[in-house]
Amino acid sequence: MAKGRRTERRRSGTWSRLLVSVCLLTLVVSTVAVQAAAAHPDGYRVQPGDTLETIAERFGLSPRALMRANGVRHPRDLRVGQLLTLGPEAGLEGTRFTVDSEDELLSLSRAAGVSLRRVARANQLLRPTELPAGLALWLPDHAPAVALPTAGDPVLRRAPRVAAAVRQGLPLWELLVLNPQPGTLGQPLLVPVRAGEIAVAGAEGARPSIVERVAVSAQPVTRGDVAVVSVTTAEPVTCAFTYADMSEVCRDTEGSGTHWHALVAFSPMRAPEPVTVTLRLSPAEGETVTLPVVLHVTGGRFDYERLDLPSDRQALLDPTLSQAETAKIASLRPLRSPTRHWTYPFRQPVESAVTSYFGSRRSYGYGFTSYHAGTDFDGEVGMPVVAPSGGVVVLAESLVVRGNAIMIDHGWGVVTGYWHLSAIDVVVGQQVAAGERIGAVGNTGLSTGAHLHWELWVNGVAVNVLSWLDPDGPAAVLGPTP
């Protein structure tokens, strides 16, 4: 019986290997067909699904230089079968080479003095060691920008994640992390490029011609944190985005109307599942462009805490005592002031250790029905509390549950709160700078001991404030200063 099972397993393994070989052969044939059609001694023949931007990225060129060299007035004027000049007049540095029957890519790359991977990327080669005679290759003098797989590519249609990994010269697992589901034709495909940059490909074309670059601060995103989706456009646009039941505006870091950032905040209670962020880019003339980007939200790890309140503060758990307070906080935390006052990273408002982390599930004696919306720092009554960054004070008063409280509007939808203070040293409307004293640690309100509760909201959603202390945190892509 054991020998029979081994024979059966060997046969199964043989058929599996044969199936894989057939699939790879199909990919090779499809890729060679595309390369042979696109190759030309004098330039590049436009293929179905190509855009001016994807061709420029493939060969490391400026789209505008490519347009000037070929007399293309508008990116949308590109047509299938058109022969594009890729010589020095388009800004391309390198050598066009036609493969002989005995040539191999390794020897060609060594002769050109460039890496095998660089040549393979520039020519979108699936199997660099098997080159058909007559194939025209480009041997670059420098590293070209990574090419975006186009939806018209038959390889992309058959095996999008495999093709994208090969074309980008990246491990397949990186594509699987960004695209865990195989997907169907027409579903956007995320392709990592460099420093968080992604390319979005779909069945109707690689991406809208108005879009030059799309990037995500990190993938996957832990719930309770922020992701920043960045987009660069070829012309000024206005930008807004939606996800789940949220509708927000993008932020322009340069004021040019071509560099936009969407701050996407996730509650720590959100289900860990993919979320589609839809960017809407509206030029001064023409139709609005819709660009979907899928973010993969993971569960993260959160503590469980049971709190035993002193007898004299048990009554503060009565929600009727804090209705007015809750309404006031709810009206201030979604502030979306258009002026950015804050610098990045934030500084810690009190010099002490963390005693309770953000997102912890909490019980006050009757089940874990709530979560900790901030981060608690240990301290003694009277220790100074400073502003973590610039902003305008929007609340400074004594509350029932939160005790002596302060809230600061930092702009661009970023708001912070400070609870249980023993002293308030600012007034509403006051502009504060990073490091300026705003109050002191205390034990007021619903508190079990002296500490500072520090909270941060982005577009009204409570998020982990500790990630804003990290110089390499998600908001770092917005730059250190306004």
Protein backbone atom coordinates (compact mmCIF):
# COMPACT_ATOMS: atom_id res chain seq x y z
CA MET A 1 0.00 0.00 0.00
CA ALA A 2 2.79 2.45 0.88
CA LYS A 3 4.60 1.73 -2.40
CA GLY A 4 1.38 2.23 -4.35
CA ARG A 5 0.77 5.58 -2.67
CA ARG A 6 4.32 6.68 -3.47
CA THR A 7 3.82 5.75 -7.13
CA GLU A 8 0.53 7.65 -7.19
CA ARG A 9 2.18 10.70 -5.60
CA ARG A 10 5.02 10.55 -8.17
CA ARG A 11 2.49 10.46 -11.01
CA SER A 12 0.55 13.35 -9.47
CA GLY A 13 3.78 15.35 -9.08
CA THR A 14 4.72 14.62 -12.72
CA TRP A 15 1.35 15.88 -13.98
CA SER A 16 1.65 18.98 -11.76
CA ARG A 17 5.10 19.77 -13.14
CA LEU A 18 3.83 19.21 -16.69
CA LEU A 19 0.90 21.57 -16.09
CA VAL A 20 3.22 24.26 -14.72
CA SER A 21 5.53 23.84 -17.73
CA VAL A 22 2.60 24.25 -20.14
CA CYS A 23 1.48 27.42 -18.32
CA LEU A 24 4.98 28.87 -18.41
CA LEU A 25 5.32 28.01 -22.10
CA THR A 26 2.05 29.84 -22.78
CA LEU A 27 3.37 32.89 -20.94
CA VAL A 28 6.65 32.78 -22.90
CA VAL A 29 4.89 32.49 -26.27
CA SER A 30 2.53 35.35 -25.41
CA THR A 31 5.37 37.56 -24.20
CA VAL A 32 7.55 36.88 -27.25
CA ALA A 33 4.60 37.67 -29.52
CA VAL A 34 4.08 41.01 -27.83
CA GLN A 35 7.82 41.80 -27.90
CA ALA A 36 8.15 40.87 -31.57
CA ALA A 37 5.17 43.07 -32.47
CA ALA A 38 6.45 46.04 -30.47
CA ALA A 39 10.12 45.72 -31.47
CA HIS A 40 11.40 47.93 -34.27
CA PRO A 41 14.94 49.01 -35.16
CA ASP A 42 13.96 52.71 -35.13
CA GLY A 43 11.72 52.89 -32.10
CA TYR A 44 8.66 51.34 -30.49
CA ARG A 45 5.45 50.17 -32.14
CA VAL A 46 2.41 51.11 -30.03
CA GLN A 47 0.47 48.07 -28.83
CA PRO A 48 -3.18 47.73 -27.68
CA GLY A 49 -3.48 48.96 -24.11
CA ASP A 50 -0.39 51.19 -24.31
CA THR A 51 -0.55 54.79 -23.12
CA LEU A 52 2.00 57.54 -23.58
CA GLU A 53 2.80 57.41 -19.85
CA THR A 54 3.37 53.65 -19.72
CA ILE A 55 5.69 53.76 -22.74
CA ALA A 56 7.62 56.66 -21.22
CA GLU A 57 7.94 54.79 -17.91
CA ARG A 58 9.09 51.64 -19.67
CA PHE A 59 12.05 53.40 -21.29
CA GLY A 60 12.77 55.91 -18.52
CA LEU A 61 11.62 58.93 -20.55
CA SER A 62 9.72 62.10 -19.83
CA PRO A 63 6.21 61.92 -21.36
CA ARG A 64 6.57 65.50 -22.60
CA ALA A 65 9.93 64.74 -24.27
CA LEU A 66 8.39 61.69 -25.93
CA MET A 67 5.49 63.84 -27.18
CA ARG A 68 7.82 66.51 -28.58
CA ALA A 69 10.05 63.98 -30.34
CA ASN A 70 7.08 62.38 -32.09
CA GLY A 71 4.88 65.42 -32.74
CA VAL A 72 2.14 64.15 -30.41
CA ARG A 73 0.03 67.09 -29.30
CA HIS A 74 -2.03 65.26 -26.66
CA PRO A 75 -1.49 61.91 -24.88
CA ARG A 76 -4.89 60.73 -26.08
CA ASP A 77 -3.76 61.11 -29.72
CA LEU A 78 -1.64 57.96 -29.47
CA ARG A 79 -2.86 55.21 -31.82
CA VAL A 80 -2.21 51.47 -32.06
CA GLY A 81 0.49 50.64 -34.60
CA GLN A 82 2.09 54.08 -34.44
CA LEU A 83 5.90 54.01 -34.58
CA LEU A 84 7.43 56.17 -31.84
CA THR A 85 10.97 57.50 -32.02
CA LEU A 86 12.95 56.61 -28.89
CA GLY A 87 16.33 58.05 -29.80
CA PRO A 88 18.31 60.92 -28.24
CA GLU A 89 15.72 63.43 -29.45
CA ALA A 90 13.30 61.82 -26.99
CA GLY A 91 15.89 61.89 -24.22
CA LEU A 92 16.72 58.19 -24.37
CA GLU A 93 20.30 57.13 -23.78
CA GLY A 94 21.29 53.70 -24.93
CA THR A 95 21.72 51.42 -27.93
CA ARG A 96 19.24 49.57 -30.14
CA PHE A 97 20.42 46.00 -30.84
CA THR A 98 18.96 43.26 -33.02
CA VAL A 99 19.35 39.74 -31.64
CA ASP A 100 21.27 37.17 -33.70
CA SER A 101 20.50 33.48 -33.44
CA GLU A 102 23.37 32.89 -31.00
CA ASP A 103 22.99 36.00 -28.82
CA GLU A 104 21.94 35.72 -25.22
CA LEU A 105 20.87 38.51 -22.94
CA LEU A 106 23.68 37.89 -20.43
CA SER A 107 26.38 38.53 -23.03
CA LEU A 108 24.49 41.55 -24.38
CA SER A 109 24.12 43.09 -20.93
CA ARG A 110 27.81 42.55 -20.14
CA ALA A 111 28.80 44.14 -23.45
CA ALA A 112 26.60 47.15 -22.68
CA GLY A 113 27.90 47.40 -19.12
CA VAL A 114 24.45 47.21 -17.52
CA SER A 115 22.86 44.62 -15.29
CA LEU A 116 20.87 41.69 -16.63
CA ARG A 117 17.83 42.80 -14.62
CA ARG A 118 18.03 46.34 -16.05
CA VAL A 119 18.00 45.08 -19.63
CA ALA A 120 15.21 42.61 -18.88
CA ARG A 121 13.09 45.37 -17.36
CA ALA A 122 13.71 47.78 -20.22
CA ASN A 123 12.54 45.16 -22.73
CA GLN A 124 9.88 43.42 -20.60
CA LEU A 125 11.45 39.99 -21.00
CA LEU A 126 9.82 37.02 -19.29
CA ARG A 127 12.60 34.52 -20.11
CA PRO A 128 15.77 36.57 -20.71
CA THR A 129 17.85 33.52 -21.60
CA GLU A 130 15.69 32.56 -24.59
CA LEU A 131 15.68 35.31 -27.23
CA PRO A 132 14.32 34.76 -30.75
CA ALA A 133 16.48 35.85 -33.67
CA GLY A 134 15.51 39.24 -35.09
CA LEU A 135 14.16 40.60 -31.82
CA ALA A 136 15.11 44.26 -31.37
CA LEU A 137 16.34 45.03 -27.85
CA TRP A 138 17.11 48.30 -26.15
CA LEU A 139 20.34 48.32 -24.14
CA PRO A 140 19.97 51.27 -21.75
CA ASP A 141 22.81 53.38 -20.40
CA HIS A 142 20.95 53.94 -17.13
CA ALA A 143 18.21 52.32 -15.13
CA PRO A 144 14.84 52.99 -16.76
CA ALA A 145 11.73 53.66 -14.74
CA VAL A 146 9.74 50.55 -13.98
CA ALA A 147 7.18 49.80 -16.66
CA LEU A 148 3.50 49.51 -15.89
CA PRO A 149 1.88 46.30 -17.19
CA THR A 150 -0.84 47.19 -19.67
CA ALA A 151 -4.26 45.63 -19.69
CA GLY A 152 -4.03 44.75 -23.37
CA ASP A 153 -1.09 42.47 -22.68
CA PRO A 154 -2.20 38.82 -23.16
CA VAL A 155 0.18 37.71 -20.40
CA LEU A 156 -1.50 40.11 -17.96
CA ARG A 157 -4.90 38.77 -18.97
CA ARG A 158 -3.93 35.14 -18.32
CA ALA A 159 -1.85 35.51 -15.15
CA PRO A 160 -1.82 39.15 -13.98
CA ARG A 161 0.07 38.66 -10.72
CA VAL A 162 2.75 36.43 -12.26
CA ALA A 163 3.19 38.74 -15.24
CA ALA A 164 3.37 41.83 -13.05
CA ALA A 165 5.99 40.24 -10.79
CA VAL A 166 8.12 39.26 -13.78
CA ARG A 167 7.79 42.63 -15.49
CA GLN A 168 8.69 44.55 -12.33
CA GLY A 169 11.55 42.22 -11.41
CA LEU A 170 10.01 41.68 -7.97
CA PRO A 171 9.34 38.56 -5.88
CA LEU A 172 5.89 37.13 -6.54
CA TRP A 173 5.04 37.29 -2.82
CA GLU A 174 5.09 41.11 -2.96
CA LEU A 175 2.34 41.01 -5.58
CA LEU A 176 0.40 38.45 -3.55
CA VAL A 177 0.51 40.71 -0.47
CA LEU A 178 -0.98 43.62 -2.42
CA ASN A 179 -3.36 41.42 -4.40
CA PRO A 180 -4.28 38.42 -2.20
CA GLN A 181 -7.24 37.47 -4.40
CA PRO A 182 -6.68 36.26 -7.98
CA GLY A 183 -9.30 38.72 -9.17
CA THR A 184 -11.11 38.89 -12.47
CA LEU A 185 -10.63 40.79 -15.69
CA GLY A 186 -11.46 44.42 -15.03
CA GLN A 187 -10.44 44.40 -11.37
CA PRO A 188 -7.64 46.88 -10.54
CA LEU A 189 -4.21 45.37 -9.97
CA LEU A 190 -1.71 46.92 -7.54
CA VAL A 191 1.93 46.70 -8.56
CA PRO A 192 4.70 47.92 -6.21
CA VAL A 193 7.26 50.08 -7.93
CA ARG A 194 9.52 52.04 -5.61
CA ALA A 195 9.21 53.52 -2.10
CA GLY A 196 5.55 52.58 -1.82
CA GLU A 197 4.65 53.62 -5.39
CA ILE A 198 2.05 51.48 -7.07
CA ALA A 199 0.66 51.12 -10.54
CA VAL A 200 -3.02 50.48 -11.11
CA ALA A 201 -3.96 48.30 -14.07
CA GLY A 202 -7.37 47.21 -15.27
CA ALA A 203 -9.16 45.78 -18.28
CA GLU A 204 -9.97 49.14 -19.81
CA GLY A 205 -6.37 50.36 -19.88
CA ALA A 206 -3.42 50.62 -17.53
CA ARG A 207 -4.54 53.85 -15.91
CA PRO A 208 -6.05 57.16 -17.02
CA SER A 209 -3.65 59.21 -19.13
CA ILE A 210 -4.01 62.18 -16.79
CA VAL A 211 -2.46 60.15 -13.94
CA GLU A 212 1.34 60.06 -13.84
CA ARG A 213 1.92 58.36 -10.49
CA VAL A 214 -0.01 56.63 -7.72
CA ALA A 215 1.50 55.67 -4.36
CA VAL A 216 0.40 54.23 -1.02
CA SER A 217 2.29 54.96 2.21
CA ALA A 218 2.18 51.29 3.25
CA GLN A 219 0.45 48.00 2.54
CA PRO A 220 -1.18 46.36 4.39
CA VAL A 221 -2.73 48.94 6.75
CA THR A 222 -3.40 48.08 10.39
CA ARG A 223 -6.87 49.08 11.51
CA GLY A 224 -6.67 52.04 13.85
CA ASP A 225 -4.02 53.64 11.65
CA VAL A 226 -3.79 55.97 8.65
CA ALA A 227 -2.81 55.28 5.05
CA VAL A 228 -1.89 58.06 2.64
CA VAL A 229 -2.77 57.55 -1.02
CA SER A 230 -0.80 59.97 -3.22
CA VAL A 231 -1.44 60.81 -6.86
CA THR A 232 0.45 62.99 -9.33
CA THR A 233 -1.37 64.25 -12.41
CA ALA A 234 -0.17 65.63 -15.74
CA GLU A 235 -2.32 68.75 -15.37
CA PRO A 236 -3.99 70.62 -12.48
CA VAL A 237 -7.09 68.95 -11.09
CA THR A 238 -9.28 69.02 -8.01
CA CYS A 239 -9.25 65.81 -5.99
CA ALA A 240 -11.77 64.14 -3.68
CA PHE A 241 -12.07 60.55 -2.49
CA THR A 242 -14.55 58.15 -0.96
CA TYR A 243 -14.21 54.91 0.97
CA ALA A 244 -16.75 52.94 2.98
CA ASP A 245 -19.23 55.63 4.07
CA MET A 246 -16.64 58.44 4.14
CA SER A 247 -16.35 61.27 1.63
CA GLU A 248 -13.30 63.57 1.91
CA VAL A 249 -11.16 66.02 -0.03
CA CYS A 250 -7.52 65.42 -0.91
CA ARG A 251 -4.70 67.68 0.29
CA ASP A 252 -2.31 69.46 -2.06
CA THR A 253 1.19 69.68 -0.55
CA GLU A 254 2.66 71.90 -3.27
CA GLY A 255 -0.25 74.12 -4.23
CA SER A 256 0.21 73.21 -7.89
CA GLY A 257 -2.97 71.18 -8.25
CA THR A 258 -0.97 68.19 -9.51
CA HIS A 259 0.29 66.56 -6.26
CA TRP A 260 -2.57 65.30 -4.11
CA HIS A 261 -2.76 63.16 -0.97
CA ALA A 262 -5.75 61.33 0.51
CA LEU A 263 -5.56 60.71 4.27
CA VAL A 264 -7.50 57.49 4.82
CA ALA A 265 -8.21 56.73 8.50
CA PHE A 266 -9.47 53.38 9.83
CA SER A 267 -11.18 52.84 13.18
CA PRO A 268 -9.67 50.12 15.41
CA MET A 269 -13.11 48.48 15.37
CA ARG A 270 -13.28 48.20 11.56
CA ALA A 271 -13.41 44.70 10.11
CA PRO A 272 -10.01 43.53 8.74
CA GLU A 273 -10.85 43.30 5.04
CA PRO A 274 -9.93 45.03 1.76
CA VAL A 275 -11.28 48.56 1.35
CA THR A 276 -11.52 50.35 -1.99
CA VAL A 277 -10.56 54.03 -1.95
CA THR A 278 -11.97 55.81 -5.00
CA LEU A 279 -10.21 58.99 -6.06
CA ARG A 280 -12.09 61.44 -8.29
CA LEU A 281 -9.84 63.75 -10.29
CA SER A 282 -11.56 66.67 -12.01
CA PRO A 283 -9.57 68.75 -14.54
CA ALA A 284 -10.63 72.27 -15.53
CA GLU A 285 -11.81 70.87 -18.86
CA GLY A 286 -12.88 67.36 -19.65
CA GLU A 287 -14.50 64.56 -17.74
CA THR A 288 -13.78 63.54 -14.15
CA VAL A 289 -11.39 60.59 -13.89
CA THR A 290 -12.19 57.86 -11.36
CA LEU A 291 -9.25 55.92 -9.93
CA PRO A 292 -9.87 52.98 -7.52
CA VAL A 293 -7.12 51.87 -5.14
CA VAL A 294 -7.57 48.82 -2.90
CA LEU A 295 -6.13 48.99 0.63
CA HIS A 296 -5.75 45.76 2.59
CA VAL A 297 -6.70 46.31 6.24
CA THR A 298 -5.30 43.86 8.81
CA GLY A 299 -6.57 43.19 12.32
CA GLY A 300 -3.57 44.24 14.41
CA ARG A 301 -3.17 43.28 18.08
CA PHE A 302 -5.02 45.00 20.91
CA ASP A 303 -4.93 44.47 24.66
CA TYR A 304 -7.85 43.78 26.99
CA GLU A 305 -8.12 45.92 30.13
CA ARG A 306 -10.41 45.69 33.13
CA LEU A 307 -10.71 48.97 35.04
CA ASP A 308 -11.88 49.22 38.65
CA LEU A 309 -13.04 52.75 39.43
CA PRO A 310 -12.97 54.29 42.92
CA SER A 311 -16.40 54.36 44.57
CA ASP A 312 -16.59 58.15 44.34
CA ARG A 313 -16.32 58.00 40.53
CA GLN A 314 -18.64 55.12 39.72
CA ALA A 315 -21.45 57.57 39.01
CA LEU A 316 -19.49 59.04 36.09
CA LEU A 317 -20.29 55.92 34.07
CA ASP A 318 -23.91 57.14 33.81
CA PRO A 319 -24.21 58.26 30.15
CA THR A 320 -26.88 60.85 31.01
CA LEU A 321 -24.24 62.85 32.91
CA SER A 322 -22.00 63.20 29.88
CA GLN A 323 -24.46 63.72 27.02
CA ALA A 324 -23.61 67.40 26.55
CA GLU A 325 -19.88 66.62 26.80
CA THR A 326 -20.13 63.83 24.24
CA ALA A 327 -22.00 66.10 21.82
CA LYS A 328 -19.39 68.86 22.21
CA ILE A 329 -16.47 66.51 21.49
CA ALA A 330 -18.35 65.00 18.56
CA SER A 331 -18.77 68.46 17.02
CA LEU A 332 -15.06 69.31 17.25
CA ARG A 333 -13.19 66.12 16.37
CA PRO A 334 -14.31 66.13 12.66
CA LEU A 335 -12.87 69.61 12.03
CA ARG A 336 -11.27 69.87 8.59
CA SER A 337 -9.56 73.25 8.54
CA PRO A 338 -7.95 73.92 5.13
CA THR A 339 -4.71 75.34 6.60
CA ARG A 340 -2.06 72.92 7.78
CA HIS A 341 -0.39 74.14 11.01
CA TRP A 342 1.40 70.95 11.99
CA THR A 343 4.91 69.69 11.32
CA TYR A 344 5.89 66.03 11.15
CA PRO A 345 6.71 64.00 13.12
CA PHE A 346 4.78 65.05 16.24
CA ARG A 347 6.60 65.34 19.55
CA GLN A 348 5.47 63.54 22.70
CA PRO A 349 3.41 65.94 24.87
CA VAL A 350 4.77 64.60 28.17
CA GLU A 351 8.09 62.95 28.96
CA SER A 352 6.89 59.67 30.50
CA ALA A 353 6.13 56.05 29.66
CA VAL A 354 2.99 54.64 28.05
CA THR A 355 0.67 52.91 30.53
CA SER A 356 -2.26 52.07 28.24
CA TYR A 357 -2.15 51.71 24.48
CA PHE A 358 -4.58 52.86 21.82
CA GLY A 359 -7.31 50.44 20.80
CA SER A 360 -7.31 48.34 23.98
CA ARG A 361 -10.70 46.68 24.58
CA ARG A 362 -11.96 47.89 27.94
CA SER A 363 -14.28 46.63 30.65
CA TYR A 364 -15.63 48.64 33.56
CA GLY A 365 -16.94 45.53 35.29
CA TYR A 366 -19.63 44.44 32.83
CA GLY A 367 -17.95 43.15 29.66
CA PHE A 368 -15.58 44.53 27.06
CA THR A 369 -18.03 46.86 25.37
CA SER A 370 -15.71 49.79 24.56
CA TYR A 371 -12.19 50.51 23.40
CA HIS A 372 -9.49 52.96 24.44
CA ALA A 373 -9.60 55.77 21.89
CA GLY A 374 -6.30 57.33 23.01
CA THR A 375 -2.93 56.56 24.56
CA ASP A 376 -2.24 57.03 28.29
CA PHE A 377 1.08 58.31 29.63
CA ASP A 378 2.21 57.94 33.23
CA GLY A 379 2.98 61.06 35.24
CA GLU A 380 2.74 63.03 38.45
CA VAL A 381 0.19 65.76 39.04
CA GLY A 382 1.64 69.02 37.78
CA MET A 383 4.01 67.61 35.14
CA PRO A 384 4.01 69.96 32.11
CA VAL A 385 2.06 69.00 28.97
CA VAL A 386 3.19 70.60 25.69
CA ALA A 387 1.68 70.87 22.22
CA PRO A 388 2.99 68.07 19.97
CA SER A 389 2.79 70.35 16.94
CA GLY A 390 1.36 73.66 15.79
CA GLY A 391 -2.36 74.36 15.86
CA VAL A 392 -5.27 76.39 17.20
CA VAL A 393 -6.97 75.64 20.55
CA VAL A 394 -10.65 74.84 20.00
CA LEU A 395 -11.56 73.58 23.50
CA ALA A 396 -10.17 74.42 26.94
CA GLU A 397 -12.55 73.71 29.82
CA SER A 398 -13.54 71.31 32.58
CA LEU A 399 -15.70 68.35 31.51
CA VAL A 400 -17.49 65.64 33.47
CA VAL A 401 -15.80 62.44 32.21
CA ARG A 402 -12.67 63.83 30.57
CA GLY A 403 -11.92 66.22 33.42
CA ASN A 404 -9.93 69.32 32.54
CA ALA A 405 -9.63 69.01 28.77
CA ILE A 406 -7.96 70.66 25.79
CA MET A 407 -8.44 70.10 22.06
CA ILE A 408 -6.17 71.47 19.30
CA ASP A 409 -7.07 71.78 15.62
CA HIS A 410 -3.88 71.21 13.62
CA GLY A 411 -5.52 71.58 10.22
CA TRP A 412 -6.14 69.22 7.29
CA GLY A 413 -8.52 67.16 9.42
CA VAL A 414 -5.96 66.44 12.19
CA VAL A 415 -7.24 67.16 15.74
CA THR A 416 -5.75 66.15 19.13
CA GLY A 417 -7.25 65.96 22.63
CA TYR A 418 -5.76 65.98 26.16
CA TRP A 419 -7.84 64.74 29.14
CA HIS A 420 -7.67 64.58 32.96
CA LEU A 421 -5.42 67.64 33.31
CA SER A 422 -4.76 69.38 36.61
CA ALA A 423 -4.28 72.76 34.89
CA ILE A 424 -5.26 74.41 31.61
CA ASP A 425 -2.79 77.06 30.43
CA VAL A 426 -4.38 78.05 27.09
CA VAL A 427 -7.64 79.60 25.89
CA VAL A 428 -9.89 78.89 22.92
CA GLY A 429 -8.63 80.58 19.77
CA GLN A 430 -5.00 80.68 20.91
CA GLN A 431 -2.40 79.64 18.35
CA VAL A 432 0.19 77.27 19.84
CA ALA A 433 3.53 76.04 18.54
CA ALA A 434 5.22 72.66 18.93
CA GLY A 435 6.73 72.37 22.42
CA GLU A 436 4.66 75.19 23.92
CA ARG A 437 3.14 74.41 27.33
CA ILE A 438 -0.64 73.96 27.23
CA GLY A 439 -1.40 72.39 30.64
CA ALA A 440 -0.32 69.91 33.33
CA VAL A 441 -0.87 66.22 34.10
CA GLY A 442 -3.74 65.55 36.49
CA ASN A 443 -6.28 63.08 37.83
CA THR A 444 -9.60 64.77 37.03
CA GLY A 445 -12.75 63.23 35.57
CA LEU A 446 -13.13 59.49 35.00
CA SER A 447 -9.58 58.58 35.98
CA THR A 448 -8.00 55.96 38.24
CA GLY A 449 -4.76 57.87 38.82
CA ALA A 450 -2.59 60.73 37.59
CA HIS A 451 -1.89 60.39 33.87
CA LEU A 452 -2.31 62.08 30.49
CA HIS A 453 -4.79 60.69 28.01
CA TRP A 454 -3.70 61.82 24.52
CA GLU A 455 -6.03 61.31 21.58
CA LEU A 456 -5.76 62.00 17.84
CA TRP A 457 -8.41 62.09 15.12
CA VAL A 458 -7.95 62.21 11.36
CA ASN A 459 -11.10 63.31 9.54
CA GLY A 460 -13.06 62.52 12.70
CA VAL A 461 -11.73 58.96 13.11
CA ALA A 462 -9.69 58.09 16.21
CA VAL A 463 -6.30 56.64 15.20
CA ASN A 464 -3.10 55.51 16.89
CA VAL A 465 -1.23 58.67 17.87
CA LEU A 466 2.05 56.81 18.44
CA SER A 467 2.46 56.30 14.68
CA TRP A 468 2.61 60.11 14.37
CA LEU A 469 5.72 60.14 16.56
CA ASP A 470 7.52 57.86 14.10
CA PRO A 471 9.67 59.76 11.54
CA ASP A 472 8.90 56.96 9.07
CA GLY A 473 5.18 56.80 9.87
CA PRO A 474 2.48 56.93 7.18
CA ALA A 475 2.12 60.73 7.32
CA ALA A 476 5.82 61.18 6.52
CA VAL A 477 4.98 61.24 2.81
CA LEU A 478 3.26 64.59 3.36
CA GLY A 479 6.58 66.21 4.23
CA PRO A 480 7.87 67.58 7.55
CA THR A 481 6.40 71.09 7.22
CA PRO A 482 3.37 72.71 5.58
